[in-house]
Amino acid sequence: MKVLVAIDSFKGSISSIDGNKAISEGIRDVYLDAEINTFSLADGGEGTVEALVQGIGGQLIKKEVIGPLKEKIDAVYGILGDNKTAVIEVSAACGLPLVPLEQRNPLVTTTYGVGELINDAILQGCREFVIGLGGSSTNDAGVGMLQALGFSFLNEFNNEVELGGQGLQTIKKINRTNALPELESCIFKVACDVNNPLYGPNGAANIFGRQKGADTVMLKQLDEGLENFAQIVQQDIGKDIQHIPGAGAAGGLGAAFVGFLNANLQSGIKLILEITEMEKHIQGMDFVITGEGKMDGQTFMGKAPLGLAQLAKKHGVPVIALAGGINEDTALLNQHGITSYFSIVNAPLTLEEAMDPKVTYDNLRSTTKQLFRLIQAVRN
């Protein structure tokens, strides 16, 4: 019995690594000598660093950086086993959970710490970067990140603009003289699963600003700032960053990565599957097991389990999906590579009980055990 196990984390409950372990134990409860390959799975958001460091090998690096509220925080990124590829989640340095609810204000939150992580990785010898966008508390178009990398954004008095979204409206000129020279030899692959432009009705501020603490007045100010930034970039650098699909991701970080760092924005799960060479590992498997906390209509929006299932379908490998929650939309996944799906919740539970890590672990193991008892019976 050969099985590839790769589930996404059950957010708020269990990590991808522990979920894979529980499923592996359930398989071995039935097939003691099963050949099981496990991979942590992510879609470019939370868990991407862990997934790639665990899946490929490497190390986690802790670095003190400027946090979203300009305070010092410890952020973690990964360096893969080749010692030249860094994996960074922008949320580690400027994520929404780092900002208390009552202090959320995208006029002041900054991406400066993201630039410090990139700078540290460059000092460690990295020249290739995998960047996970998503979960940011910011709306500064990545200006803070770029300032940390040596770019200058000057106001009418030739002074550096303030950190945060509040500084965007005052930018009059860009100076690239002191940008890190190593950036010229760096390659940035950015996991981005939104197509929003930088500004406008569907831009970074208007679509994502409220969840970051912006009110109606702030949204107008932020959007005007993003528009000014795009115009200055067009004027000084000659690049149109407004119409890049994904420019508005992570408060405009998408635009900064493409416009200043020549990054390639691509689907998060496709990027992760490519880096881990998942297609090679799927071939020859009897089954693939995947899953996430809730499988529903959102799973179609580029989520990790669907990407894995489509790859397995290409090679004719059956896919079993396990989830904490399913609904009527989940049935559509059967048309996209998932052979069958199951909820691991087998008794009435409160949400708090169901999300208890031990309960989730035990439910993953017991559900897997029962499925493979059935598989064994049918095979015999």
Protein backbone atom coordinates (compact mmCIF):
# COMPACT_ATOMS: atom_id res chain seq x y z
CA MET A 1 0.00 0.00 0.00
CA LYS A 2 1.50 3.31 -1.15
CA VAL A 3 -0.14 6.51 0.08
CA LEU A 4 0.76 10.16 -0.27
CA VAL A 5 -0.63 12.22 2.61
CA ALA A 6 -0.72 16.00 2.25
CA ILE A 7 -3.31 18.03 4.11
CA ASP A 8 -3.52 21.74 4.70
CA SER A 9 -3.68 22.91 8.29
CA PHE A 10 -7.08 22.88 10.01
CA LYS A 11 -6.78 26.56 10.93
CA GLY A 12 -7.21 27.20 14.62
CA SER A 13 -7.09 23.48 15.34
CA ILE A 14 -4.21 21.37 14.03
CA SER A 15 -1.10 21.94 11.93
CA SER A 16 -0.47 20.27 8.60
CA ILE A 17 2.39 18.28 10.14
CA ASP A 18 0.27 16.92 13.00
CA GLY A 19 -2.67 16.23 10.70
CA ASN A 20 -0.44 14.21 8.38
CA LYS A 21 0.87 12.27 11.38
CA ALA A 22 -2.65 11.40 12.57
CA ILE A 23 -3.68 10.17 9.12
CA SER A 24 -0.47 8.14 8.77
CA GLU A 25 -1.19 6.43 12.08
CA GLY A 26 -4.72 5.62 10.91
CA ILE A 27 -3.36 3.97 7.76
CA ARG A 28 -0.81 1.93 9.73
CA ASP A 29 -3.52 0.79 12.12
CA VAL A 30 -4.67 -1.27 9.11
CA TYR A 31 -1.62 -1.57 6.84
CA LEU A 32 1.33 -1.86 9.20
CA ASP A 33 3.89 -1.93 6.38
CA ALA A 34 2.30 0.82 4.27
CA GLU A 35 4.68 3.08 2.36
CA ILE A 36 3.55 6.60 3.32
CA ASN A 37 4.98 9.86 2.01
CA THR A 38 3.83 12.96 3.90
CA PHE A 39 4.01 16.58 2.79
CA SER A 40 2.82 19.67 4.58
CA LEU A 41 0.52 21.57 2.28
CA ALA A 42 -0.17 25.27 1.92
CA ASP A 43 -1.53 27.64 -0.70
CA GLY A 44 0.89 30.52 -0.26
CA GLY A 45 -0.75 31.89 2.87
CA GLU A 46 -0.36 30.82 6.47
CA GLY A 47 1.76 27.69 6.79
CA THR A 48 3.76 28.17 3.58
CA VAL A 49 7.12 28.48 5.35
CA GLU A 50 6.42 25.40 7.46
CA ALA A 51 5.18 23.42 4.45
CA LEU A 52 8.24 24.07 2.32
CA VAL A 53 10.86 23.75 5.06
CA GLN A 54 9.30 20.47 6.21
CA GLY A 55 8.63 19.18 2.68
CA ILE A 56 11.99 19.97 1.12
CA GLY A 57 14.27 20.38 4.10
CA GLY A 58 15.83 23.52 5.44
CA GLN A 59 15.86 25.66 8.52
CA LEU A 60 13.75 28.29 10.24
CA ILE A 61 15.39 31.66 10.89
CA LYS A 62 14.23 34.06 13.59
CA LYS A 63 14.86 37.75 12.96
CA GLU A 64 13.92 40.84 14.96
CA VAL A 65 12.18 43.33 12.66
CA ILE A 66 9.98 46.41 12.76
CA GLY A 67 6.40 45.17 13.17
CA PRO A 68 3.27 46.64 11.60
CA LEU A 69 2.91 49.19 14.43
CA LYS A 70 6.61 50.13 14.22
CA GLU A 71 7.45 48.09 17.33
CA LYS A 72 10.17 45.44 17.44
CA ILE A 73 8.89 41.88 16.94
CA ASP A 74 10.42 38.47 16.26
CA ALA A 75 9.52 37.14 12.82
CA VAL A 76 10.36 33.75 11.35
CA TYR A 77 11.19 32.83 7.76
CA GLY A 78 12.71 29.75 6.13
CA ILE A 79 15.84 28.95 4.16
CA LEU A 80 15.49 25.78 2.11
CA GLY A 81 18.04 23.00 1.91
CA ASP A 82 19.73 24.47 -1.17
CA ASN A 83 20.86 27.38 1.05
CA LYS A 84 19.92 29.88 -1.64
CA THR A 85 16.11 29.95 -1.48
CA ALA A 86 14.29 31.91 1.22
CA VAL A 87 10.60 31.44 1.99
CA ILE A 88 8.85 34.42 3.54
CA GLU A 89 5.25 34.93 4.59
CA VAL A 90 4.60 38.66 4.69
CA SER A 91 2.16 38.08 7.55
CA ALA A 92 5.11 37.10 9.77
CA ALA A 93 6.23 40.74 9.73
CA CYS A 94 3.01 42.68 9.09
CA GLY A 95 0.14 40.24 9.61
CA LEU A 96 -3.30 41.26 10.85
CA PRO A 97 -3.04 39.06 13.99
CA LEU A 98 -0.02 41.15 15.06
CA VAL A 99 -2.28 44.20 15.47
CA PRO A 100 -4.81 44.33 18.33
CA LEU A 101 -8.35 44.95 17.07
CA GLU A 102 -8.57 48.41 18.62
CA GLN A 103 -5.27 49.49 17.00
CA ARG A 104 -5.99 48.39 13.42
CA ASN A 105 -5.38 51.34 11.13
CA PRO A 106 -3.88 50.88 7.65
CA LEU A 107 -2.88 54.54 7.58
CA VAL A 108 -0.11 53.71 10.05
CA THR A 109 0.67 49.99 9.66
CA THR A 110 3.81 49.29 7.65
CA THR A 111 5.46 46.52 5.63
CA TYR A 112 8.95 47.67 6.68
CA GLY A 113 9.63 44.37 8.46
CA VAL A 114 9.06 42.40 5.25
CA GLY A 115 11.96 44.28 3.67
CA GLU A 116 14.11 43.54 6.71
CA LEU A 117 13.44 39.81 6.32
CA ILE A 118 14.41 39.97 2.63
CA ASN A 119 17.54 41.92 3.52
CA ASP A 120 18.50 39.35 6.18
CA ALA A 121 18.01 36.48 3.74
CA ILE A 122 20.21 38.26 1.19
CA LEU A 123 22.93 38.59 3.84
CA GLN A 124 22.58 34.82 4.43
CA GLY A 125 23.37 34.24 0.76
CA CYS A 126 19.85 33.76 -0.63
CA ARG A 127 19.10 34.98 -4.12
CA GLU A 128 15.83 33.16 -4.79
CA PHE A 129 12.68 34.01 -2.86
CA VAL A 130 9.29 32.42 -2.45
CA ILE A 131 6.93 35.02 -1.00
CA GLY A 132 3.51 34.25 0.45
CA LEU A 133 1.18 37.23 0.20
CA GLY A 134 -1.91 37.42 2.32
CA GLY A 135 -3.07 38.27 5.79
CA SER A 136 -1.38 41.66 5.91
CA SER A 137 -2.57 44.49 8.15
CA THR A 138 -1.17 47.08 5.76
CA ASN A 139 -2.15 49.29 2.85
CA ASP A 140 1.15 51.01 2.08
CA ALA A 141 1.69 49.52 -1.41
CA GLY A 142 4.85 47.88 -0.12
CA VAL A 143 6.59 51.24 0.30
CA GLY A 144 7.75 50.28 3.81
CA MET A 145 9.27 47.05 2.49
CA LEU A 146 11.04 48.97 -0.28
CA GLN A 147 12.35 51.59 2.16
CA ALA A 148 13.95 48.79 4.19
CA LEU A 149 15.63 47.64 0.97
CA GLY A 150 17.16 51.05 0.31
CA PHE A 151 14.58 52.74 -1.95
CA SER A 152 13.62 56.30 -1.05
CA PHE A 153 10.19 57.87 -1.44
CA LEU A 154 10.44 61.62 -1.07
CA ASN A 155 7.86 64.32 -0.39
CA GLU A 156 7.79 67.88 -1.73
CA PHE A 157 10.42 68.90 0.83
CA ASN A 158 12.75 66.10 -0.35
CA ASN A 159 12.27 64.25 2.94
CA GLU A 160 11.41 60.55 3.34
CA VAL A 161 7.64 60.05 3.61
CA GLU A 162 6.07 58.63 6.75
CA LEU A 163 5.66 54.89 7.20
CA GLY A 164 2.21 53.46 6.55
CA GLY A 165 -0.56 54.18 4.07
CA GLN A 166 -0.64 57.80 5.22
CA GLY A 167 2.60 58.47 3.37
CA LEU A 168 1.40 57.50 -0.09
CA GLN A 169 -0.39 60.77 -0.89
CA THR A 170 2.74 62.79 -0.16
CA ILE A 171 5.15 60.92 -2.46
CA LYS A 172 6.54 63.22 -5.14
CA LYS A 173 9.72 61.44 -6.21
CA ILE A 174 11.40 58.03 -6.05
CA ASN A 175 15.14 57.60 -5.54
CA ARG A 176 16.64 54.16 -6.28
CA THR A 177 20.29 55.13 -5.81
CA ASN A 178 20.73 53.35 -2.47
CA ALA A 179 18.67 50.23 -3.24
CA LEU A 180 20.51 47.04 -2.34
CA PRO A 181 22.63 46.11 -5.39
CA GLU A 182 22.08 42.38 -4.68
CA LEU A 183 18.42 42.81 -5.63
CA GLU A 184 19.47 42.85 -9.28
CA SER A 185 20.45 39.18 -9.03
CA CYS A 186 17.45 38.07 -6.97
CA ILE A 187 14.47 36.12 -8.29
CA PHE A 188 11.11 36.59 -6.56
CA LYS A 189 8.27 34.10 -6.99
CA VAL A 190 5.19 35.47 -5.28
CA ALA A 191 2.17 33.38 -4.32
CA CYS A 192 -0.84 35.54 -5.08
CA ASP A 193 -4.41 34.33 -5.52
CA VAL A 194 -6.25 37.60 -6.06
CA ASN A 195 -6.50 39.65 -9.25
CA ASN A 196 -7.33 43.05 -7.80
CA PRO A 197 -5.78 46.19 -9.33
CA LEU A 198 -3.89 48.59 -7.09
CA TYR A 199 -6.55 51.28 -6.70
CA GLY A 200 -10.15 51.98 -7.65
CA PRO A 201 -13.45 50.28 -6.69
CA ASN A 202 -11.81 46.83 -6.78
CA GLY A 203 -8.43 47.98 -5.50
CA ALA A 204 -6.50 47.18 -2.36
CA ALA A 205 -8.14 49.77 -0.11
CA ASN A 206 -11.77 49.43 -1.15
CA ILE A 207 -11.86 45.63 -1.15
CA PHE A 208 -9.60 44.78 1.78
CA GLY A 209 -9.29 48.00 3.79
CA ARG A 210 -12.22 47.61 6.17
CA GLN A 211 -10.99 44.32 7.59
CA LYS A 212 -7.73 46.12 8.38
CA GLY A 213 -9.52 48.82 10.36
CA ALA A 214 -10.27 51.50 7.76
CA ASP A 215 -13.47 53.55 7.90
CA THR A 216 -15.07 55.30 4.90
CA VAL A 217 -12.92 58.42 5.24
CA MET A 218 -9.73 56.34 5.50
CA LEU A 219 -10.68 54.27 2.46
CA LYS A 220 -10.88 57.40 0.31
CA GLN A 221 -7.54 58.66 1.63
CA LEU A 222 -5.87 55.29 1.10
CA ASP A 223 -7.24 54.86 -2.41
CA GLU A 224 -6.09 58.34 -3.41
CA GLY A 225 -2.68 57.51 -1.96
CA LEU A 226 -2.44 54.32 -4.00
CA GLU A 227 -3.41 56.23 -7.14
CA ASN A 228 -0.75 58.88 -6.45
CA PHE A 229 1.85 56.17 -5.88
CA ALA A 230 0.98 54.49 -9.18
CA GLN A 231 1.27 57.81 -11.02
CA ILE A 232 4.68 58.59 -9.49
CA VAL A 233 5.94 55.08 -10.35
CA GLN A 234 4.76 55.57 -13.94
CA GLN A 235 6.46 58.98 -14.06
CA ASP A 236 9.79 58.06 -12.41
CA ILE A 237 10.23 54.38 -13.35
CA GLY A 238 8.07 54.05 -16.43
CA LYS A 239 6.03 51.09 -15.14
CA ASP A 240 2.26 50.73 -15.07
CA ILE A 241 1.62 48.99 -11.74
CA GLN A 242 -2.10 49.73 -11.65
CA HIS A 243 -3.18 47.15 -14.20
CA ILE A 244 -1.08 44.22 -13.01
CA PRO A 245 -3.50 41.43 -11.95
CA GLY A 246 -2.81 41.03 -8.24
CA ALA A 247 -1.26 44.49 -7.79
CA GLY A 248 -3.72 45.11 -4.95
CA ALA A 249 -2.80 41.96 -3.05
CA ALA A 250 -1.68 42.42 0.58
CA GLY A 251 -2.39 46.15 0.57
CA GLY A 252 -0.48 46.76 -2.65
CA LEU A 253 2.54 44.56 -1.94
CA GLY A 254 1.80 42.79 -5.23
CA ALA A 255 2.47 46.04 -7.07
CA ALA A 256 5.72 46.64 -5.18
CA PHE A 257 7.08 43.18 -5.90
CA VAL A 258 6.34 43.38 -9.62
CA GLY A 259 7.14 47.05 -10.13
CA PHE A 260 10.38 47.25 -8.17
CA LEU A 261 11.64 43.66 -7.74
CA ASN A 262 10.58 42.19 -11.10
CA ALA A 263 8.62 39.46 -9.34
CA ASN A 264 6.42 36.85 -10.94
CA LEU A 265 2.96 36.61 -9.35
CA GLN A 266 1.41 33.16 -9.60
CA SER A 267 -1.15 30.85 -8.05
CA GLY A 268 -0.10 29.93 -4.54
CA ILE A 269 -0.89 26.23 -4.66
CA LYS A 270 0.62 25.81 -8.13
CA LEU A 271 3.81 27.45 -6.88
CA ILE A 272 3.99 25.19 -3.81
CA LEU A 273 3.29 22.03 -5.83
CA GLU A 274 5.95 23.03 -8.34
CA ILE A 275 8.62 23.72 -5.71
CA THR A 276 7.94 20.47 -3.84
CA GLU A 277 7.90 18.52 -7.14
CA MET A 278 4.62 17.01 -6.01
CA GLU A 279 3.76 15.58 -9.42
CA LYS A 280 6.81 13.32 -9.25
CA HIS A 281 5.85 12.07 -5.79
CA ILE A 282 2.22 11.35 -6.75
CA GLN A 283 3.12 8.97 -9.55
CA GLY A 284 2.87 5.32 -8.53
CA MET A 285 0.74 5.99 -5.43
CA ASP A 286 -2.33 3.88 -4.64
CA PHE A 287 -4.08 6.79 -2.93
CA VAL A 288 -3.64 10.47 -2.15
CA ILE A 289 -5.17 11.83 1.04
CA THR A 290 -5.69 15.56 1.39
CA GLY A 291 -8.00 17.91 3.24
CA GLU A 292 -8.49 21.12 5.21
CA GLY A 293 -10.61 22.42 8.06
CA LYS A 294 -13.64 23.20 5.91
CA MET A 295 -14.27 22.09 2.35
CA ASP A 296 -16.90 24.16 0.53
CA GLY A 297 -17.23 26.65 -2.31
CA GLN A 298 -14.09 28.44 -1.13
CA THR A 299 -12.05 25.32 -1.90
CA PHE A 300 -12.59 26.11 -5.59
CA MET A 301 -10.79 29.43 -5.18
CA GLY A 302 -7.30 28.01 -5.57
CA LYS A 303 -7.14 26.20 -2.24
CA ALA A 304 -4.43 23.62 -1.65
CA PRO A 305 -6.50 20.39 -1.60
CA LEU A 306 -8.05 21.11 -5.00
CA GLY A 307 -4.69 21.83 -6.62
CA LEU A 308 -3.31 18.56 -5.29
CA ALA A 309 -6.40 16.63 -6.38
CA GLN A 310 -6.20 17.96 -9.93
CA LEU A 311 -2.58 16.83 -10.12
CA ALA A 312 -3.50 13.35 -8.84
CA LYS A 313 -6.40 13.11 -11.31
CA LYS A 314 -3.93 13.72 -14.13
CA HIS A 315 -2.14 10.51 -13.11
CA GLY A 316 -5.25 8.48 -12.32
CA VAL A 317 -4.61 8.31 -8.57
CA PRO A 318 -7.75 8.25 -6.36
CA VAL A 319 -8.02 11.12 -3.89
CA ILE A 320 -9.66 10.95 -0.46
CA ALA A 321 -10.37 14.30 1.20
CA LEU A 322 -10.95 14.72 4.94
CA ALA A 323 -12.41 17.85 6.49
CA GLY A 324 -13.85 19.12 9.72
CA GLY A 325 -16.81 20.64 7.89
CA ILE A 326 -18.50 20.00 4.55
CA ASN A 327 -21.71 21.29 2.93
CA GLU A 328 -23.78 20.90 -0.22
CA ASP A 329 -21.15 22.75 -2.32
CA THR A 330 -18.52 20.14 -1.46
CA ALA A 331 -20.12 17.64 -3.85
CA LEU A 332 -18.86 19.70 -6.78
CA LEU A 333 -15.32 18.71 -5.82
CA ASN A 334 -16.03 15.21 -7.13
CA GLN A 335 -15.89 16.71 -10.62
CA HIS A 336 -12.43 18.16 -10.03
CA GLY A 337 -10.27 15.27 -8.92
CA ILE A 338 -11.52 14.45 -5.43
CA THR A 339 -12.79 10.86 -5.58
CA SER A 340 -14.59 10.99 -2.24
CA TYR A 341 -14.70 13.27 0.78
CA PHE A 342 -15.61 12.73 4.41
CA SER A 343 -16.22 14.82 7.49
CA ILE A 344 -14.17 13.63 10.45
CA VAL A 345 -16.80 14.86 12.94
CA ASN A 346 -18.67 11.74 14.02
CA ALA A 347 -20.77 13.00 16.94
CA PRO A 348 -22.58 16.21 17.95
CA LEU A 349 -19.91 18.68 19.13
CA THR A 350 -19.68 22.37 19.82
CA LEU A 351 -17.32 24.27 17.50
CA GLU A 352 -14.91 24.69 20.39
CA GLU A 353 -14.92 20.94 21.09
CA ALA A 354 -14.56 20.06 17.41
CA MET A 355 -11.55 22.37 17.02
CA ASP A 356 -9.72 21.02 20.05
CA PRO A 357 -6.37 19.78 18.62
CA LYS A 358 -6.57 16.41 20.40
CA VAL A 359 -10.15 15.82 19.21
CA THR A 360 -9.16 16.70 15.63
CA TYR A 361 -6.10 14.44 15.81
CA ASP A 362 -8.12 11.50 17.14
CA ASN A 363 -10.90 12.04 14.61
CA LEU A 364 -8.46 12.16 11.69
CA ARG A 365 -6.83 8.95 12.84
CA SER A 366 -10.06 7.04 13.50
CA THR A 367 -11.75 8.17 10.26
CA THR A 368 -8.67 7.15 8.25
CA LYS A 369 -8.55 3.79 10.03
CA GLN A 370 -12.17 3.03 9.15
CA LEU A 371 -11.68 4.05 5.52
CA PHE A 372 -8.67 1.79 5.12
CA ARG A 373 -10.45 -1.10 6.83
CA LEU A 374 -13.04 -0.78 4.07
CA ILE A 375 -10.33 -0.54 1.40
CA GLN A 376 -8.66 -3.65 2.83
CA ALA A 377 -11.93 -5.58 2.85
CA VAL A 378 -12.71 -4.65 -0.75
CA ARG A 379 -9.19 -5.50 -1.90
CA ASN A 380 -9.31 -8.88 -0.18
